[in-house]
Amino acid sequence: MAPPTNILDHIIHISPPGKLSEAVAHWERLGFQVIPGGTHADGLTSNALVALADGVYIELIAFEKPPTEPPASDHWWAKKYPGWIDWACLGLEDHVDKTIAGRDQDVGSGVEYQEGKEGGRRRASDGKELKWRVTFPQLKHGRGTVPFFCQDLTPRELRVPAAEVNTHTNTAFGVAHLHLTVPQAQLDSVKAQLSVVLGTQPNESNEWELAVPHGQFNPAPRLKLVGSDDEISSIAEVGFYGKKARKGDTAEGFGKVVFVKL
């Protein structure tokens, strides 16, 4: 039996080129503790992390320079606008692409994944090398609708810093929800594809229950799929469980954040 494919690993937020420090300052103003990340192995992007007690993390990312020329212009996130851009599930096997292809044989949703590729970076704090294997959806799916997968080739605790329930001053300790909007005409096809990828079916409200690496802190987060009049799919909102509720933050140039009291 194949390992589960619905474990939420991390969610990605991009800032304009060279503006990672501004994103860090914004998230700190929201009450999150931000951890320095490092520069990715390709030298094109740098990141910082927001670790949560449920084992999920937020990756704040930015290109070092405007991605106007190769190889940066060929990067899968080169044409993304600032805000939420992508999400990843935890990879627990070497060939998750084949597992998903096998599931889809009887469904015919058309969802397809590339073979996994190894990547990595060095931690800014101590220079330790991190290695992983990422498995991306085929280009026809774009990025940010169906998840990609991240499998650790070095211990996950090197890639994902530990966090406690009281790490953040805003009391956030886990992901509550992820809202994904797609063009209305694509709703049914994306619904079928997500069901194949995650290995579970949604409820009548088009919500899937996701697992988390450390599930003892909060109820499972939910992925909600919503049809939209927009022509482009997007991650519209990310909610965080906390000990107190706060009005959602929608600052220009940043993804929408909501705090859900638990």
Protein backbone atom coordinates (compact mmCIF):
# COMPACT_ATOMS: atom_id res chain seq x y z
CA MET A 1 0.00 0.00 0.00
CA ALA A 2 1.35 3.41 -0.98
CA PRO A 3 2.07 6.02 1.72
CA PRO A 4 -0.48 8.83 2.16
CA THR A 5 -0.24 11.79 -0.20
CA ASN A 6 -2.42 14.29 1.68
CA ILE A 7 0.06 15.42 4.36
CA LEU A 8 0.45 19.19 4.10
CA ASP A 9 4.15 20.09 4.16
CA HIS A 10 4.40 23.81 3.42
CA ILE A 11 2.78 26.77 1.70
CA ILE A 12 4.75 29.27 -0.36
CA HIS A 13 4.48 33.06 -0.33
CA ILE A 14 6.50 35.09 -2.83
CA SER A 15 7.66 38.70 -2.59
CA PRO A 16 9.03 40.99 -5.32
CA PRO A 17 12.66 40.36 -6.31
CA GLY A 18 15.12 41.47 -3.66
CA LYS A 19 12.32 42.23 -1.18
CA LEU A 20 12.49 39.20 1.10
CA SER A 21 13.41 41.42 4.05
CA GLU A 22 10.17 43.36 3.58
CA ALA A 23 8.17 40.14 3.71
CA VAL A 24 9.98 39.11 6.88
CA ALA A 25 9.13 42.45 8.48
CA HIS A 26 5.47 42.12 7.42
CA TRP A 27 5.11 38.65 8.91
CA GLU A 28 6.81 39.75 12.10
CA ARG A 29 4.29 42.59 12.38
CA LEU A 30 1.56 39.94 12.11
CA GLY A 31 3.03 38.30 15.20
CA PHE A 32 4.94 35.44 13.62
CA GLN A 33 8.48 34.45 14.51
CA VAL A 34 10.44 34.28 11.24
CA ILE A 35 13.51 32.08 10.90
CA PRO A 36 16.30 32.85 8.41
CA GLY A 37 16.45 30.28 5.64
CA GLY A 38 19.13 30.57 3.01
CA THR A 39 19.78 30.68 -0.71
CA HIS A 40 18.57 27.77 -2.82
CA ALA A 41 21.08 25.60 -4.65
CA ASP A 42 20.37 27.30 -7.99
CA GLY A 43 21.26 30.70 -6.52
CA LEU A 44 18.11 32.27 -7.93
CA THR A 45 15.95 32.52 -4.82
CA SER A 46 16.31 32.98 -1.09
CA ASN A 47 13.87 32.16 1.66
CA ALA A 48 12.84 32.54 5.28
CA LEU A 49 10.55 30.24 7.24
CA VAL A 50 7.60 30.43 9.62
CA ALA A 51 7.42 27.10 11.46
CA LEU A 52 4.19 25.95 13.12
CA ALA A 53 3.62 23.48 15.94
CA ASP A 54 1.63 21.16 13.65
CA GLY A 55 4.78 20.58 11.58
CA VAL A 56 3.66 22.65 8.59
CA TYR A 57 5.66 25.73 7.66
CA ILE A 58 5.27 28.84 5.57
CA GLU A 59 8.07 29.52 3.11
CA LEU A 60 8.67 33.19 2.39
CA ILE A 61 10.56 33.36 -0.88
CA ALA A 62 11.89 35.97 -3.31
CA PHE A 63 14.10 36.01 -6.37
CA GLU A 64 17.49 37.58 -5.76
CA LYS A 65 17.13 39.63 -8.96
CA PRO A 66 14.22 40.26 -11.36
CA PRO A 67 13.67 37.00 -13.31
CA THR A 68 13.86 38.63 -16.73
CA GLU A 69 16.55 36.45 -18.31
CA PRO A 70 17.39 32.73 -18.27
CA PRO A 71 17.77 30.76 -16.14
CA ALA A 72 15.63 32.83 -13.76
CA SER A 73 13.00 33.61 -16.42
CA ASP A 74 12.50 29.86 -16.93
CA HIS A 75 11.83 29.26 -13.24
CA TRP A 76 8.38 27.83 -12.42
CA TRP A 77 7.56 30.84 -10.20
CA ALA A 78 9.05 33.55 -12.44
CA LYS A 79 5.67 34.85 -13.62
CA LYS A 80 3.88 34.69 -10.27
CA TYR A 81 2.52 37.83 -8.62
CA PRO A 82 3.34 38.59 -4.97
CA GLY A 83 1.30 36.62 -2.45
CA TRP A 84 0.42 32.95 -2.03
CA ILE A 85 1.71 31.00 -5.03
CA ASP A 86 2.06 27.28 -4.31
CA TRP A 87 1.70 24.49 -1.79
CA ALA A 88 3.40 21.20 -1.13
CA CYS A 89 2.50 17.88 0.39
CA LEU A 90 5.04 15.69 2.13
CA GLY A 91 6.59 13.09 -0.13
CA LEU A 92 7.09 9.73 1.54
CA GLU A 93 8.27 7.66 -1.44
CA ASP A 94 10.68 7.99 -4.36
CA HIS A 95 8.09 7.67 -7.13
CA VAL A 96 4.96 9.50 -6.03
CA ASP A 97 4.41 10.37 -9.71
CA LYS A 98 3.82 6.70 -10.47
CA THR A 99 1.53 6.27 -7.47
CA ILE A 100 -0.70 9.09 -8.69
CA ALA A 101 -0.63 7.81 -12.27
CA GLY A 102 -1.77 4.43 -11.01
CA ARG A 103 -4.69 5.95 -9.13
CA ASP A 104 -5.77 7.90 -12.17
CA GLN A 105 -5.97 4.89 -14.46
CA ASP A 106 -9.52 4.16 -13.32
CA VAL A 107 -10.54 7.82 -12.98
CA GLY A 108 -9.15 9.56 -16.05
CA SER A 109 -8.82 13.00 -14.48
CA GLY A 110 -5.79 13.76 -16.62
CA VAL A 111 -3.58 14.74 -13.69
CA GLU A 112 0.10 14.00 -14.36
CA TYR A 113 3.36 14.53 -12.50
CA GLN A 114 6.97 14.78 -13.60
CA GLU A 115 9.67 12.51 -12.24
CA GLY A 116 11.19 13.70 -8.98
CA LYS A 117 14.22 16.01 -9.02
CA GLU A 118 16.77 16.47 -6.26
CA GLY A 119 17.36 19.92 -4.81
CA GLY A 120 18.72 21.56 -1.70
CA ARG A 121 20.23 24.55 0.03
CA ARG A 122 22.53 25.41 2.91
CA ARG A 123 21.05 26.72 6.12
CA ALA A 124 21.93 30.33 6.79
CA SER A 125 22.27 29.69 10.53
CA ASP A 126 24.96 26.99 10.50
CA GLY A 127 25.77 26.12 6.89
CA LYS A 128 24.36 22.59 7.13
CA GLU A 129 23.39 21.11 3.78
CA LEU A 130 19.77 20.13 3.24
CA LYS A 131 18.71 17.78 0.46
CA TRP A 132 15.31 16.84 -0.84
CA ARG A 133 13.47 15.44 -3.83
CA VAL A 134 10.65 17.49 -5.33
CA THR A 135 7.99 16.07 -7.64
CA PHE A 136 6.15 18.70 -9.65
CA PRO A 137 2.92 18.49 -11.64
CA GLN A 138 3.30 18.55 -15.40
CA LEU A 139 3.50 22.02 -16.92
CA LYS A 140 -0.06 21.84 -18.28
CA HIS A 141 -1.37 22.17 -14.72
CA GLY A 142 0.50 25.38 -13.97
CA ARG A 143 1.68 25.89 -10.41
CA GLY A 144 -0.38 26.28 -7.25
CA THR A 145 -3.51 24.33 -8.15
CA VAL A 146 -2.53 20.72 -7.52
CA PRO A 147 0.31 20.43 -4.99
CA PHE A 148 3.88 19.44 -5.59
CA PHE A 149 5.62 16.98 -3.28
CA CYS A 150 8.73 17.44 -1.15
CA GLN A 151 10.55 14.34 0.08
CA ASP A 152 13.42 14.72 2.54
CA LEU A 153 16.75 13.09 1.68
CA THR A 154 18.27 14.50 4.87
CA PRO A 155 16.37 14.52 8.19
CA ARG A 156 13.23 16.65 7.98
CA GLU A 157 14.10 18.43 11.22
CA LEU A 158 17.04 20.03 9.40
CA ARG A 159 14.68 21.50 6.80
CA VAL A 160 11.79 22.32 9.14
CA PRO A 161 12.70 24.04 12.41
CA ALA A 162 10.83 22.91 15.52
CA ALA A 163 8.03 25.11 16.82
CA GLU A 164 5.97 25.05 19.99
CA VAL A 165 2.34 26.00 20.54
CA ASN A 166 3.46 29.32 22.06
CA THR A 167 6.23 30.14 19.55
CA HIS A 168 4.33 33.02 17.92
CA THR A 169 3.07 36.08 19.79
CA ASN A 170 -0.14 36.01 17.73
CA THR A 171 -0.79 32.51 19.25
CA ALA A 172 -0.90 30.78 15.82
CA PHE A 173 0.07 27.12 16.07
CA GLY A 174 -1.31 25.36 13.00
CA VAL A 175 -2.89 25.71 9.57
CA ALA A 176 -6.69 25.86 9.66
CA HIS A 177 -7.50 26.10 5.97
CA LEU A 178 -6.26 26.74 2.47
CA HIS A 179 -8.71 28.32 0.02
CA LEU A 180 -8.06 27.61 -3.64
CA THR A 181 -10.01 29.43 -6.36
CA VAL A 182 -10.21 28.17 -9.94
CA PRO A 183 -12.17 29.32 -12.99
CA GLN A 184 -15.73 28.05 -12.70
CA ALA A 185 -15.41 26.09 -15.94
CA GLN A 186 -12.48 24.13 -14.46
CA LEU A 187 -14.06 23.38 -11.09
CA ASP A 188 -15.16 19.81 -11.80
CA SER A 189 -11.92 18.78 -13.51
CA VAL A 190 -9.72 20.25 -10.77
CA LYS A 191 -11.93 18.59 -8.15
CA ALA A 192 -11.34 15.21 -9.79
CA GLN A 193 -7.60 15.84 -10.08
CA LEU A 194 -7.22 16.89 -6.45
CA SER A 195 -9.12 13.80 -5.33
CA VAL A 196 -6.69 11.59 -7.23
CA VAL A 197 -3.62 13.43 -5.95
CA LEU A 198 -4.72 13.52 -2.31
CA GLY A 199 -6.21 10.03 -2.36
CA THR A 200 -9.40 11.19 -0.63
CA GLN A 201 -12.78 12.58 -1.65
CA PRO A 202 -14.11 16.03 -0.70
CA ASN A 203 -17.28 16.69 1.25
CA GLU A 204 -20.36 18.30 -0.29
CA SER A 205 -18.76 21.73 0.18
CA ASN A 206 -15.74 20.76 -1.93
CA GLU A 207 -13.47 20.52 1.11
CA TRP A 208 -10.76 17.93 1.62
CA GLU A 209 -9.37 17.08 5.02
CA LEU A 210 -5.58 17.27 4.97
CA ALA A 211 -3.17 15.61 7.35
CA VAL A 212 -0.23 17.38 9.04
CA PRO A 213 3.19 16.10 10.15
CA HIS A 214 2.35 16.64 13.85
CA GLY A 215 -1.38 16.19 14.28
CA GLN A 216 -1.75 16.40 18.04
CA PHE A 217 -2.17 20.17 18.31
CA ASN A 218 -5.24 21.02 16.28
CA PRO A 219 -8.00 19.66 14.04
CA ALA A 220 -6.94 18.73 10.54
CA PRO A 221 -6.68 21.66 8.12
CA ARG A 222 -9.07 21.77 5.20
CA LEU A 223 -8.47 22.51 1.55
CA LYS A 224 -11.48 24.30 0.09
CA LEU A 225 -12.01 24.55 -3.67
CA VAL A 226 -14.08 27.48 -4.93
CA GLY A 227 -15.20 28.36 -8.46
CA SER A 228 -14.45 31.92 -9.54
CA ASP A 229 -15.14 34.32 -12.40
CA ASP A 230 -11.40 34.99 -12.60
CA GLU A 231 -9.52 33.31 -15.43
CA ILE A 232 -6.53 32.44 -13.27
CA SER A 233 -6.37 29.94 -10.42
CA SER A 234 -4.98 31.22 -7.14
CA ILE A 235 -4.51 30.50 -3.46
CA ALA A 236 -6.90 33.11 -2.12
CA GLU A 237 -6.46 32.69 1.62
CA VAL A 238 -4.60 30.78 4.30
CA GLY A 239 -6.09 30.42 7.78
CA PHE A 240 -4.19 29.73 10.99
CA TYR A 241 -5.46 28.19 14.20
CA GLY A 242 -4.68 30.25 17.28
CA LYS A 243 -5.79 30.91 20.82
CA LYS A 244 -7.51 34.09 19.72
CA ALA A 245 -9.22 35.24 16.55
CA ARG A 246 -8.05 38.21 14.52
CA LYS A 247 -9.42 39.98 11.51
CA GLY A 248 -7.89 38.75 8.29
CA ASP A 249 -4.93 40.68 6.94
CA THR A 250 -5.06 41.71 3.28
CA ALA A 251 -2.14 44.11 2.94
CA GLU A 252 -1.32 44.99 -0.65
CA GLY A 253 1.40 42.78 -2.08
CA PHE A 254 0.91 40.03 0.48
CA GLY A 255 -1.32 36.97 0.59
CA LYS A 256 -4.48 37.05 2.71
CA VAL A 257 -4.08 35.69 6.24
CA VAL A 258 -6.91 34.76 8.62
CA PHE A 259 -6.72 33.72 12.27
CA VAL A 260 -9.22 31.14 13.52
CA LYS A 261 -9.76 30.81 17.27
CA LEU A 262 -9.53 27.29 18.62
